[in-house]
Amino acid sequence: MYRLELHCHTSEVSACSTCPAETLIARYRAAGYSGVVSTNHINLGTYQKREELTWADKVDFFLYGYEALKAAAGADFDVLLGCEINLTPADWPAYLPNDYLIYGVTPQWLRDTGDMRKMTLEELSCAARDAGMLIVHAHPFRVGTLMMDPGLLDGYEVFNGNLRHNSHNNLANALADLEHKIKTSGSDFHHPDDPPCGGILTRKRIQSNEALLAVLRSGEYQLIEND
């Protein structure tokens, strides 16, 4: 069986992470994983010191984290491109922890879509789905998160392993069952001492986004849920 992480962050891009790509790869390799999906943040924090950049330059900065992971991984460890998007408007009175994991991301989609932080969930959902990608509500029951129209979502993260938050995973699992949605699991890895505790188990090694999307849609995987 092969282990693939679906939710992790590196310090090269995510402002809330203190773990460089090289350390992350070493941690997951030692934990027996065959690969990770890089889901660095696209949010206000990512670009708080770079808002003057063009969107093309912002995409290049975001991709730097993915490329750093690939360089650290080498040929025997898989790194796929994803992202975690937050849609809180810059002038909103409070930051909303509504985060959306996009699977199947390509660099060209990021460039062509524009600054998705300025989108509504409906617009983001359409942009992802029209490109054949999946949109998953990350930690949907974390305190402060707003419930959204299930019709705009392909799945729910039913296990989030972040030690600094109570994501009420049992409620997320119940909601996914109720709405008949795809279930995902992720460690939400941010720091070098975080445990690699989430992801999926598959019989075949997943080495491309196309394979990942096919597996998630088929349900032919097991969730890793190591509390």
Protein backbone atom coordinates (compact mmCIF):
# COMPACT_ATOMS: atom_id res chain seq x y z
CA MET A 1 0.00 0.00 0.00
CA TYR A 2 1.13 3.54 -0.76
CA ARG A 3 0.67 6.59 1.46
CA LEU A 4 -0.06 10.00 -0.05
CA GLU A 5 -0.44 13.17 2.01
CA LEU A 6 -3.24 15.48 0.80
CA HIS A 7 -2.69 18.59 2.96
CA CYS A 8 0.69 20.11 3.84
CA HIS A 9 2.45 23.48 3.88
CA THR A 10 6.02 24.69 3.57
CA SER A 11 7.70 27.85 4.79
CA GLU A 12 8.81 28.82 1.29
CA VAL A 13 5.24 30.02 0.59
CA SER A 14 2.82 29.60 3.50
CA ALA A 15 3.39 32.38 6.04
CA CYS A 16 2.02 30.18 8.83
CA SER A 17 4.51 27.36 8.17
CA THR A 18 7.98 27.02 9.69
CA CYS A 19 8.94 23.85 7.83
CA PRO A 20 11.16 24.14 4.73
CA ALA A 21 10.59 21.79 1.84
CA GLU A 22 13.67 19.68 2.47
CA THR A 23 12.64 18.98 6.07
CA LEU A 24 9.07 18.15 5.07
CA ILE A 25 10.21 15.61 2.52
CA ALA A 26 12.54 13.99 5.06
CA ARG A 27 9.73 13.76 7.64
CA TYR A 28 7.30 12.14 5.23
CA ARG A 29 9.86 9.80 3.74
CA ALA A 30 10.77 8.61 7.24
CA ALA A 31 7.07 8.10 8.02
CA GLY A 32 6.68 5.71 5.07
CA TYR A 33 4.85 7.99 2.63
CA SER A 34 5.39 7.70 -1.12
CA GLY A 35 4.36 11.27 -1.86
CA VAL A 36 2.62 14.50 -0.90
CA VAL A 37 0.24 16.97 -2.49
CA SER A 38 1.64 20.45 -1.97
CA THR A 39 -1.29 22.57 -0.75
CA ASN A 40 0.38 25.82 0.18
CA HIS A 41 -1.93 28.71 0.97
CA ILE A 42 -3.28 31.21 -1.49
CA ASN A 43 -4.58 33.75 1.00
CA LEU A 44 -3.98 37.22 2.35
CA GLY A 45 -1.04 36.06 4.45
CA THR A 46 0.81 34.53 1.51
CA TYR A 47 1.04 37.87 -0.27
CA GLN A 48 0.94 40.31 2.63
CA LYS A 49 4.38 41.63 1.65
CA ARG A 50 3.93 41.08 -2.09
CA GLU A 51 0.60 42.65 -3.03
CA GLU A 52 2.38 45.05 -5.38
CA LEU A 53 3.40 42.12 -7.60
CA THR A 54 1.51 41.21 -10.74
CA TRP A 55 -0.60 38.08 -10.56
CA ALA A 56 1.91 36.30 -12.81
CA ASP A 57 4.68 37.06 -10.33
CA LYS A 58 2.46 35.95 -7.45
CA VAL A 59 1.93 32.63 -9.21
CA ASP A 60 5.68 32.26 -9.69
CA PHE A 61 6.18 32.84 -5.96
CA PHE A 62 3.52 30.26 -5.12
CA LEU A 63 5.06 27.70 -7.46
CA TYR A 64 8.46 28.18 -5.83
CA GLY A 65 7.23 26.13 -2.86
CA TYR A 66 6.12 23.29 -5.13
CA GLU A 67 9.41 23.33 -7.04
CA ALA A 68 11.37 23.31 -3.77
CA LEU A 69 9.50 20.18 -2.70
CA LYS A 70 10.17 18.47 -6.03
CA ALA A 71 13.85 19.33 -5.85
CA ALA A 72 14.09 17.91 -2.32
CA ALA A 73 12.10 14.79 -3.23
CA GLY A 74 14.17 13.56 -6.15
CA ALA A 75 12.91 10.78 -8.39
CA ASP A 76 11.79 8.31 -5.73
CA PHE A 77 9.20 10.47 -3.95
CA ASP A 78 6.11 11.98 -5.58
CA VAL A 79 5.11 15.64 -5.28
CA LEU A 80 1.81 16.80 -6.80
CA LEU A 81 0.54 20.36 -7.12
CA GLY A 82 -2.55 21.48 -5.22
CA CYS A 83 -3.49 24.56 -3.24
CA GLU A 84 -5.56 25.78 -0.30
CA ILE A 85 -7.53 28.92 -1.09
CA ASN A 86 -9.15 31.35 1.34
CA LEU A 87 -11.71 33.83 0.04
CA THR A 88 -11.83 36.33 2.93
CA PRO A 89 -12.03 39.82 1.33
CA ALA A 90 -9.19 42.18 2.20
CA ASP A 91 -11.65 44.68 3.74
CA TRP A 92 -13.58 42.07 5.74
CA PRO A 93 -13.75 42.85 9.49
CA ALA A 94 -12.61 39.36 10.51
CA TYR A 95 -10.63 36.57 8.86
CA LEU A 96 -12.87 33.62 7.99
CA PRO A 97 -11.27 30.17 8.28
CA ASN A 98 -13.18 28.92 5.24
CA ASP A 99 -10.43 27.19 3.25
CA TYR A 100 -10.86 25.19 0.07
CA LEU A 101 -8.45 22.52 -1.14
CA ILE A 102 -8.15 22.26 -4.92
CA TYR A 103 -6.83 19.01 -6.36
CA GLY A 104 -5.58 18.68 -9.94
CA VAL A 105 -4.02 22.14 -10.07
CA THR A 106 -1.75 23.09 -12.96
CA PRO A 107 0.52 26.14 -13.25
CA GLN A 108 -1.38 27.28 -16.33
CA TRP A 109 -4.70 27.14 -14.49
CA LEU A 110 -3.27 29.33 -11.76
CA ARG A 111 -2.04 31.85 -14.31
CA ASP A 112 -5.22 31.88 -16.39
CA THR A 113 -7.70 32.00 -13.49
CA GLY A 114 -6.34 35.19 -11.95
CA ASP A 115 -6.47 36.17 -8.30
CA MET A 116 -8.99 33.65 -7.00
CA ARG A 117 -8.86 35.24 -3.55
CA LYS A 118 -11.25 37.83 -5.00
CA MET A 119 -13.76 35.24 -6.17
CA THR A 120 -16.96 34.03 -4.60
CA LEU A 121 -17.16 30.34 -3.75
CA GLU A 122 -19.48 29.87 -6.70
CA GLU A 123 -16.91 31.42 -9.04
CA LEU A 124 -14.06 29.37 -7.58
CA SER A 125 -16.11 26.18 -7.80
CA CYS A 126 -16.92 26.83 -11.45
CA ALA A 127 -13.29 27.64 -12.27
CA ALA A 128 -12.06 24.44 -10.66
CA ARG A 129 -14.77 22.15 -12.00
CA ASP A 130 -14.64 23.56 -15.52
CA ALA A 131 -10.95 22.59 -15.54
CA GLY A 132 -11.76 19.05 -14.36
CA MET A 133 -10.45 19.62 -10.83
CA LEU A 134 -11.97 18.85 -7.44
CA ILE A 135 -12.84 21.37 -4.74
CA VAL A 136 -12.89 20.11 -1.15
CA HIS A 137 -13.91 22.10 1.92
CA ALA A 138 -10.97 21.87 4.34
CA HIS A 139 -11.76 21.38 8.06
CA PRO A 140 -15.41 22.46 7.56
CA PHE A 141 -16.30 22.43 11.27
CA ARG A 142 -13.33 24.36 12.63
CA VAL A 143 -14.52 27.17 14.93
CA GLY A 144 -15.58 30.22 12.96
CA THR A 145 -16.05 28.41 9.64
CA LEU A 146 -19.25 29.16 7.74
CA MET A 147 -21.26 26.34 6.23
CA MET A 148 -21.54 26.68 2.46
CA ASP A 149 -23.80 25.33 -0.28
CA PRO A 150 -22.86 21.62 -0.65
CA GLY A 151 -23.69 21.87 -4.34
CA LEU A 152 -20.57 23.98 -4.84
CA LEU A 153 -18.29 21.37 -3.28
CA ASP A 154 -17.03 17.97 -4.41
CA GLY A 155 -15.94 16.80 -0.98
CA TYR A 156 -15.14 17.45 2.65
CA GLU A 157 -11.92 16.95 4.57
CA VAL A 158 -13.25 14.54 7.18
CA PHE A 159 -9.94 14.14 9.01
CA ASN A 160 -7.70 17.13 9.70
CA GLY A 161 -4.70 16.31 11.86
CA ASN A 162 -3.65 19.83 12.87
CA LEU A 163 -2.76 19.66 16.57
CA ARG A 164 -3.48 23.35 17.16
CA HIS A 165 -7.14 23.20 16.15
CA ASN A 166 -10.17 21.11 16.96
CA SER A 167 -11.63 20.49 13.53
CA HIS A 168 -14.51 18.34 14.83
CA ASN A 169 -13.70 15.63 12.32
CA ASN A 170 -16.64 13.49 13.38
CA LEU A 171 -19.06 16.20 12.24
CA ALA A 172 -17.26 16.57 8.92
CA ASN A 173 -17.51 12.83 8.36
CA ALA A 174 -21.22 12.85 9.14
CA LEU A 175 -21.79 15.73 6.73
CA ALA A 176 -19.92 13.97 3.93
CA ASP A 177 -22.11 10.91 4.46
CA LEU A 178 -25.26 13.04 4.47
CA GLU A 179 -24.35 14.89 1.29
CA HIS A 180 -22.73 11.87 -0.43
CA LYS A 181 -19.49 13.74 -1.00
CA ILE A 182 -15.88 12.66 -1.50
CA LYS A 183 -14.02 12.22 1.78
CA THR A 184 -10.41 13.32 2.20
CA SER A 185 -7.88 13.28 5.02
CA GLY A 186 -4.87 15.50 5.64
CA SER A 187 -2.27 16.13 8.29
CA ASP A 188 -2.45 19.91 7.73
CA PHE A 189 1.30 19.79 8.30
CA HIS A 190 2.93 23.17 9.11
CA HIS A 191 5.89 22.67 11.46
CA PRO A 192 8.86 20.26 11.57
CA ASP A 193 7.56 18.53 14.70
CA ASP A 194 4.03 18.04 13.37
CA PRO A 195 3.10 14.38 12.90
CA PRO A 196 2.47 13.06 9.37
CA CYS A 197 -0.89 11.57 10.30
CA GLY A 198 -3.28 12.02 7.37
CA GLY A 199 -3.73 11.31 3.70
CA ILE A 200 -4.85 8.26 1.76
CA LEU A 201 -3.74 4.67 1.31
CA THR A 202 -3.87 3.19 -2.20
CA ARG A 203 -2.86 -0.06 -3.83
CA LYS A 204 -1.25 1.77 -6.75
CA ARG A 205 1.27 4.56 -6.38
CA ILE A 206 -0.21 7.93 -7.37
CA GLN A 207 2.32 9.83 -9.47
CA SER A 208 0.18 12.39 -11.28
CA ASN A 209 -2.75 14.68 -10.65
CA GLU A 210 -4.75 12.74 -13.23
CA ALA A 211 -4.28 9.56 -11.21
CA LEU A 212 -5.14 11.38 -7.98
CA LEU A 213 -8.39 12.77 -9.38
CA ALA A 214 -9.38 9.36 -10.72
CA VAL A 215 -8.73 7.67 -7.36
CA LEU A 216 -10.63 10.29 -5.36
CA ARG A 217 -13.59 10.05 -7.70
CA SER A 218 -13.57 6.25 -7.63
CA GLY A 219 -13.39 5.91 -3.86
CA GLU A 220 -10.71 3.23 -4.24
CA TYR A 221 -8.63 4.34 -1.28
CA GLN A 222 -8.53 4.26 2.48
CA LEU A 223 -8.30 7.32 4.69
CA ILE A 224 -5.32 7.69 6.99
CA GLU A 225 -6.68 8.97 10.30
CA ASN A 226 -3.98 8.71 12.95
CA ASP A 227 -5.13 10.84 15.89
